[in-house]
């Protein structure tokens, strides 16, 4: 099998994302026949059909290749930036890429994105900081981190955010709580309405408070404050408070004494990669492209892409 040609991958991916050969051609500044020829050549090289033509949609093989194409093209762009820095010192990274992670971030996509970036940009140091629940947007806006894995989406025009995962909501309760018996069958919002959810400080951003309390600021609160998952679970297993989160929370914080119950009728929520709006730092762009590409490729396989 011939090596993959990035030009062909670029044309193929544009058709997948635009859903139309003509729009893909306009996006790439090519003629529609040229884009069609690129896709046909790629199909011949791989020996399989990648696109249905009417309407335009990827085949199962095309869906799988699209994920690889996003990752390969993002890595290619990173390589070009790296080589440009050799001849243009002004483009060389002046400091580490600073990554903030709230809780477990975007589950398995968090380490996958960081490791992909390290492979693509081995000469750029990486600094990782844990963010608490009040640093939903402030860590970015105060220039303490360059990219941040957060949830939910920051409600601030100074921050841009990409969806990485979309998951079912859960509540965390003590193992001996009556609701723990519903960990398989699930519960409803009415079932969790009277749980003593943990408190957050007054300066916690409104979107995060609404996320924690399932959109109801007036929900009953426990006596304990919490700023991170460790503090939440300490309160849960000692029977003082309840917590809430995304479904993957249970995989990352499987503490003895805590039970995780799906909330069946709660809206699914997303985790995000947030950056400062308009940030044109090439390292931020590379990391953002890799993270989004990996989310599209790995998210469905990991059950992190929503219903």
Protein backbone atom coordinates (compact mmCIF):
# COMPACT_ATOMS: atom_id res chain seq x y z
CA UNK A 1 0.00 0.00 0.00
CA UNK A 2 1.35 3.44 -0.98
CA UNK A 3 2.09 6.01 1.77
CA UNK A 4 -0.80 8.34 2.52
CA UNK A 5 -0.62 11.59 0.57
CA UNK A 6 -1.53 14.53 2.81
CA UNK A 7 -2.96 16.44 -0.17
CA UNK A 8 -5.41 13.64 -0.81
CA UNK A 9 -6.28 13.43 2.88
CA UNK A 10 -6.90 17.17 2.98
CA UNK A 11 -9.33 16.98 0.06
CA UNK A 12 -11.09 13.94 1.49
CA UNK A 13 -11.49 15.53 4.93
CA UNK A 14 -12.81 18.76 3.44
CA UNK A 15 -15.51 16.79 1.58
CA UNK A 16 -16.44 14.92 4.78
CA UNK A 17 -16.71 18.13 6.79
CA UNK A 18 -18.51 20.16 4.11
CA UNK A 19 -20.73 17.30 2.91
CA UNK A 20 -20.32 18.60 -0.63
CA UNK A 21 -17.56 18.38 -3.26
CA UNK A 22 -18.12 21.93 -4.52
CA UNK A 23 -17.94 23.54 -1.08
CA UNK A 24 -14.87 21.46 -0.27
CA UNK A 25 -13.22 22.67 -3.47
CA UNK A 26 -14.00 26.32 -2.65
CA UNK A 27 -12.57 25.88 0.86
CA UNK A 28 -9.33 24.45 -0.56
CA UNK A 29 -9.14 26.88 -3.51
CA UNK A 30 -9.24 23.92 -5.92
CA UNK A 31 -11.58 22.95 -8.72
CA UNK A 32 -14.32 20.38 -7.99
CA UNK A 33 -12.83 17.93 -10.53
CA UNK A 34 -9.48 18.15 -8.74
CA UNK A 35 -11.08 17.32 -5.37
CA UNK A 36 -13.04 14.47 -6.96
CA UNK A 37 -9.84 13.10 -8.47
CA UNK A 38 -8.08 13.30 -5.11
CA UNK A 39 -10.82 11.29 -3.40
CA UNK A 40 -10.91 8.71 -6.18
CA UNK A 41 -7.14 8.29 -6.01
CA UNK A 42 -7.28 7.87 -2.24
CA UNK A 43 -9.98 5.23 -2.60
CA UNK A 44 -7.87 3.42 -5.20
CA UNK A 45 -4.76 3.59 -2.99
CA UNK A 46 -6.64 2.18 0.01
CA UNK A 47 -8.72 -0.28 -1.96
CA UNK A 48 -12.03 0.71 -0.39
CA UNK A 49 -14.91 3.11 -0.90
CA UNK A 50 -14.65 6.11 1.42
CA UNK A 51 -17.64 8.25 0.43
CA UNK A 52 -21.23 7.71 -0.58
CA UNK A 53 -21.99 10.12 -3.40
CA UNK A 54 -25.70 10.76 -3.06
CA UNK A 55 -25.97 12.42 -0.64
CA UNK A 56 -22.28 12.84 0.19
CA UNK A 57 -21.49 10.98 3.41
CA UNK A 58 -18.57 8.90 4.66
CA UNK A 59 -18.75 5.11 4.56
CA UNK A 60 -17.69 3.22 7.72
CA UNK A 61 -14.16 3.12 6.29
CA UNK A 62 -14.41 6.83 5.54
CA UNK A 63 -15.50 7.60 9.11
CA UNK A 64 -12.46 5.80 10.47
CA UNK A 65 -10.10 7.46 7.99
CA UNK A 66 -11.50 10.92 8.79
CA UNK A 67 -10.33 10.60 12.38
CA UNK A 68 -6.84 9.58 11.27
CA UNK A 69 -6.79 12.38 8.70
CA UNK A 70 -7.54 15.06 11.30
CA UNK A 71 -4.73 13.81 13.54
CA UNK A 72 -2.23 13.48 10.69
CA UNK A 73 -2.98 16.91 9.25
CA UNK A 74 -2.75 18.55 12.67
CA UNK A 75 0.61 16.85 13.23
CA UNK A 76 1.76 17.97 9.79
CA UNK A 77 0.89 21.58 10.61
CA UNK A 78 2.76 21.26 13.88
CA UNK A 79 5.82 19.99 12.01
CA UNK A 80 5.68 22.96 9.62
CA UNK A 81 5.52 25.39 12.54
CA UNK A 82 8.46 23.60 14.15
CA UNK A 83 10.60 23.85 11.04
CA UNK A 84 9.64 27.49 10.50
CA UNK A 85 10.96 28.27 13.97
CA UNK A 86 14.42 27.10 12.88
CA UNK A 87 14.69 29.88 10.31
CA UNK A 88 12.61 32.47 12.15
CA UNK A 89 13.72 32.78 15.77
CA UNK A 90 10.77 35.03 16.50
CA UNK A 91 8.49 32.02 16.03
CA UNK A 92 10.41 29.79 18.40
CA UNK A 93 8.54 29.08 21.64
CA UNK A 94 9.65 31.51 24.34
CA UNK A 95 8.07 29.64 27.26
CA UNK A 96 6.33 26.36 28.09
CA UNK A 97 2.81 25.58 27.01
CA UNK A 98 0.81 25.85 30.24
CA UNK A 99 -2.09 23.40 30.48
CA UNK A 100 -4.80 23.69 33.13
CA UNK A 101 -6.98 20.71 34.04
CA UNK A 102 -10.16 20.92 36.09
CA UNK A 103 -10.75 17.60 37.86
CA UNK A 104 -10.19 14.76 35.39
CA UNK A 105 -10.50 17.14 32.46
CA UNK A 106 -11.97 15.43 29.41
CA UNK A 107 -11.40 11.87 30.64
CA UNK A 108 -9.12 9.75 28.42
CA UNK A 109 -8.87 12.57 25.87
CA UNK A 110 -6.86 14.69 28.31
CA UNK A 111 -3.72 12.49 28.45
CA UNK A 112 -4.17 11.55 24.78
CA UNK A 113 -4.05 15.22 23.73
CA UNK A 114 -1.11 16.05 25.99
CA UNK A 115 0.90 13.04 24.80
CA UNK A 116 0.10 13.79 21.15
CA UNK A 117 1.30 17.35 21.63
CA UNK A 118 4.51 16.19 23.29
CA UNK A 119 5.20 13.88 20.35
CA UNK A 120 4.44 16.62 17.83
CA UNK A 121 6.38 19.33 19.68
CA UNK A 122 9.12 17.55 21.65
CA UNK A 123 11.17 20.74 22.10
CA UNK A 124 8.37 22.66 23.82
CA UNK A 125 8.20 22.22 27.60
CA UNK A 126 4.76 21.45 29.04
CA UNK A 127 3.57 22.65 32.44
CA UNK A 128 0.40 21.15 33.91
CA UNK A 129 -1.68 22.80 36.63
CA UNK A 130 -4.72 21.49 38.46
CA UNK A 131 -7.60 23.98 38.41
CA UNK A 132 -10.22 24.18 41.13
CA UNK A 133 -13.93 24.79 40.59
CA UNK A 134 -13.59 28.59 40.85
CA UNK A 135 -10.99 28.77 38.05
CA UNK A 136 -13.49 28.01 35.34
CA UNK A 137 -12.21 30.91 33.21
CA UNK A 138 -9.99 32.97 35.52
CA UNK A 139 -6.85 30.87 35.01
CA UNK A 140 -6.95 31.75 31.31
CA UNK A 141 -7.98 35.38 31.74
CA UNK A 142 -5.28 35.97 34.36
CA UNK A 143 -2.68 34.41 32.02
CA UNK A 144 -1.82 31.56 34.38
CA UNK A 145 -2.52 28.87 31.75
CA UNK A 146 -2.67 28.86 27.95
CA UNK A 147 -5.24 26.10 27.43
CA UNK A 148 -7.66 24.61 29.95
CA UNK A 149 -9.76 21.45 30.15
CA UNK A 150 -12.94 22.69 31.84
CA UNK A 151 -16.66 22.14 32.14
CA UNK A 152 -19.12 23.52 31.33
CA UNK A 153 -18.47 26.13 28.61
CA UNK A 154 -17.25 29.43 30.09
CA UNK A 155 -19.79 32.20 29.64
CA UNK A 156 -17.27 34.90 28.75
CA UNK A 157 -16.66 36.44 25.33
CA UNK A 158 -12.95 36.59 26.16
CA UNK A 159 -12.79 32.78 26.13
CA UNK A 160 -13.21 30.42 23.16
CA UNK A 161 -14.01 26.75 23.75
CA UNK A 162 -14.20 23.50 21.76
CA UNK A 163 -16.41 20.58 22.78
CA UNK A 164 -14.30 17.50 23.55
CA UNK A 165 -16.72 15.11 25.28
CA UNK A 166 -20.47 14.90 25.79
CA UNK A 167 -21.63 12.59 28.56
CA UNK A 168 -24.51 11.52 30.76
CA UNK A 169 -24.75 13.18 34.17
CA UNK A 170 -24.27 11.30 37.45
CA UNK A 171 -24.57 11.98 41.16
CA UNK A 172 -22.21 10.67 43.82
CA UNK A 173 -23.75 9.53 47.09
CA UNK A 174 -22.53 7.48 50.08
CA UNK A 175 -22.54 3.72 49.57
CA UNK A 176 -25.17 3.33 52.31
CA UNK A 177 -27.51 6.00 50.89
CA UNK A 178 -30.89 4.66 49.63
CA UNK A 179 -30.22 6.15 46.20
CA UNK A 180 -27.10 3.98 45.85
CA UNK A 181 -29.38 1.07 44.94
CA UNK A 182 -30.21 2.92 41.70
CA UNK A 183 -26.62 2.86 40.42
CA UNK A 184 -27.63 0.41 37.66
CA UNK A 185 -31.23 1.42 36.92
CA UNK A 186 -30.57 5.15 37.30
CA UNK A 187 -32.41 7.98 39.02
CA UNK A 188 -34.35 11.07 37.97
CA UNK A 189 -33.93 14.75 38.70
CA UNK A 190 -36.83 14.48 41.12
CA UNK A 191 -34.96 11.71 42.98
CA UNK A 192 -31.86 13.88 43.46
CA UNK A 193 -33.63 17.17 44.19
CA UNK A 194 -33.20 16.90 47.98
CA UNK A 195 -29.62 15.65 48.06
CA UNK A 196 -27.27 17.84 50.12
CA UNK A 197 -25.01 18.93 47.26
CA UNK A 198 -21.65 20.44 48.13
CA UNK A 199 -21.34 24.21 48.34
CA UNK A 200 -19.08 26.38 46.22
CA UNK A 201 -17.56 29.77 47.16
CA UNK A 202 -19.43 32.92 46.18
CA UNK A 203 -16.94 33.78 43.43
CA UNK A 204 -17.51 30.46 41.64
CA UNK A 205 -18.65 31.27 38.06
CA UNK A 206 -22.38 31.02 37.50
CA UNK A 207 -22.12 28.40 34.67
CA UNK A 208 -20.27 26.02 36.97
CA UNK A 209 -22.78 26.49 39.80
CA UNK A 210 -25.64 25.77 37.40
CA UNK A 211 -23.78 22.71 36.13
CA UNK A 212 -23.22 21.34 39.65
CA UNK A 213 -26.86 21.83 40.70
CA UNK A 214 -28.41 20.65 37.42
CA UNK A 215 -29.52 24.16 36.53
CA UNK A 216 -31.31 24.77 39.83
CA UNK A 217 -29.48 27.29 42.02
CA UNK A 218 -32.08 26.75 44.76
CA UNK A 219 -31.29 23.07 45.26
CA UNK A 220 -30.61 21.97 48.79
CA UNK A 221 -26.97 22.41 49.84
CA UNK A 222 -24.92 20.46 52.33
CA UNK A 223 -22.75 22.06 54.98
CA UNK A 224 -19.39 21.38 53.28
CA UNK A 225 -17.65 23.50 50.69
CA UNK A 226 -15.58 21.79 47.98
CA UNK A 227 -13.12 23.14 45.43
CA UNK A 228 -12.01 19.91 43.74
CA UNK A 229 -13.12 16.29 43.27
CA UNK A 230 -11.01 15.07 46.20
CA UNK A 231 -12.88 17.36 48.58
CA UNK A 232 -16.22 16.36 47.07
CA UNK A 233 -15.57 12.66 47.51
CA UNK A 234 -14.22 13.12 51.03
CA UNK A 235 -17.57 14.69 51.91
CA UNK A 236 -19.48 11.97 50.06
CA UNK A 237 -17.86 8.96 51.74
CA UNK A 238 -18.21 10.58 55.17
CA UNK A 239 -21.92 11.04 54.55
CA UNK A 240 -22.04 14.83 54.68
CA UNK A 241 -22.66 15.85 51.06
CA UNK A 242 -23.51 14.62 47.56
CA UNK A 243 -21.67 15.44 44.37
CA UNK A 244 -22.44 15.59 40.67
CA UNK A 245 -20.40 15.16 37.53
CA UNK A 246 -20.07 13.51 34.15
CA UNK A 247 -20.33 9.75 33.64
CA UNK A 248 -16.56 9.32 33.26
CA UNK A 249 -16.11 10.77 36.77
CA UNK A 250 -16.93 7.31 38.15
CA UNK A 251 -14.01 5.73 36.25
CA UNK A 252 -11.51 8.26 37.54
CA UNK A 253 -12.74 8.53 41.13
CA UNK A 254 -13.84 5.02 42.07
CA UNK A 255 -13.46 5.59 45.80
CA UNK A 256 -14.56 2.89 48.25
CA UNK A 257 -17.66 4.13 50.03
CA UNK A 258 -18.98 6.20 47.10
CA UNK A 259 -21.74 5.15 44.69
CA UNK A 260 -22.29 6.79 41.31
CA UNK A 261 -25.85 6.96 40.01
CA UNK A 262 -26.83 8.01 36.45
CA UNK A 263 -29.43 10.79 36.27
CA UNK A 264 -31.55 9.62 33.39
CA UNK A 265 -33.56 12.74 32.60
CA UNK A 266 -30.78 15.30 33.11
CA UNK A 267 -29.45 16.99 30.00
CA UNK A 268 -26.14 15.54 28.86
CA UNK A 269 -23.24 17.91 29.43
CA UNK A 270 -19.93 18.52 27.71
CA UNK A 271 -16.35 19.11 28.68
CA UNK A 272 -14.36 21.70 26.76
CA UNK A 273 -10.90 22.80 25.80
CA UNK A 274 -10.87 26.54 26.51
CA UNK A 275 -8.39 29.14 25.26
CA UNK A 276 -8.24 32.92 25.26
CA UNK A 277 -10.34 34.22 22.36
CA UNK A 278 -8.15 35.39 19.50
CA UNK A 279 -4.99 33.80 20.91
CA UNK A 280 -2.76 33.34 17.88
CA UNK A 281 0.11 31.63 19.71
CA UNK A 282 1.17 28.80 17.34
CA UNK A 283 1.58 26.37 20.24
CA UNK A 284 -1.96 27.02 21.40
CA UNK A 285 -3.22 26.50 17.85
CA UNK A 286 -1.33 23.22 17.52
CA UNK A 287 -2.57 21.89 20.85
CA UNK A 288 -6.14 22.94 20.08
CA UNK A 289 -6.06 21.26 16.66
CA UNK A 290 -4.68 18.02 18.08
CA UNK A 291 -7.19 17.93 20.93
CA UNK A 292 -10.17 18.51 18.64
CA UNK A 293 -8.89 15.93 16.13
CA UNK A 294 -8.44 13.33 18.84
CA UNK A 295 -11.89 14.06 20.27
CA UNK A 296 -13.44 13.36 16.89
CA UNK A 297 -11.39 10.21 16.42
CA UNK A 298 -11.43 8.71 19.90
CA UNK A 299 -14.58 10.15 21.45
CA UNK A 300 -17.09 7.73 19.87
CA UNK A 301 -14.89 4.69 20.63
CA UNK A 302 -14.58 5.73 24.28
CA UNK A 303 -18.28 6.49 24.69
CA UNK A 304 -17.54 10.20 25.15
CA UNK A 305 -19.37 11.56 22.13
CA UNK A 306 -22.93 11.83 23.42
CA UNK A 307 -26.12 9.85 22.74
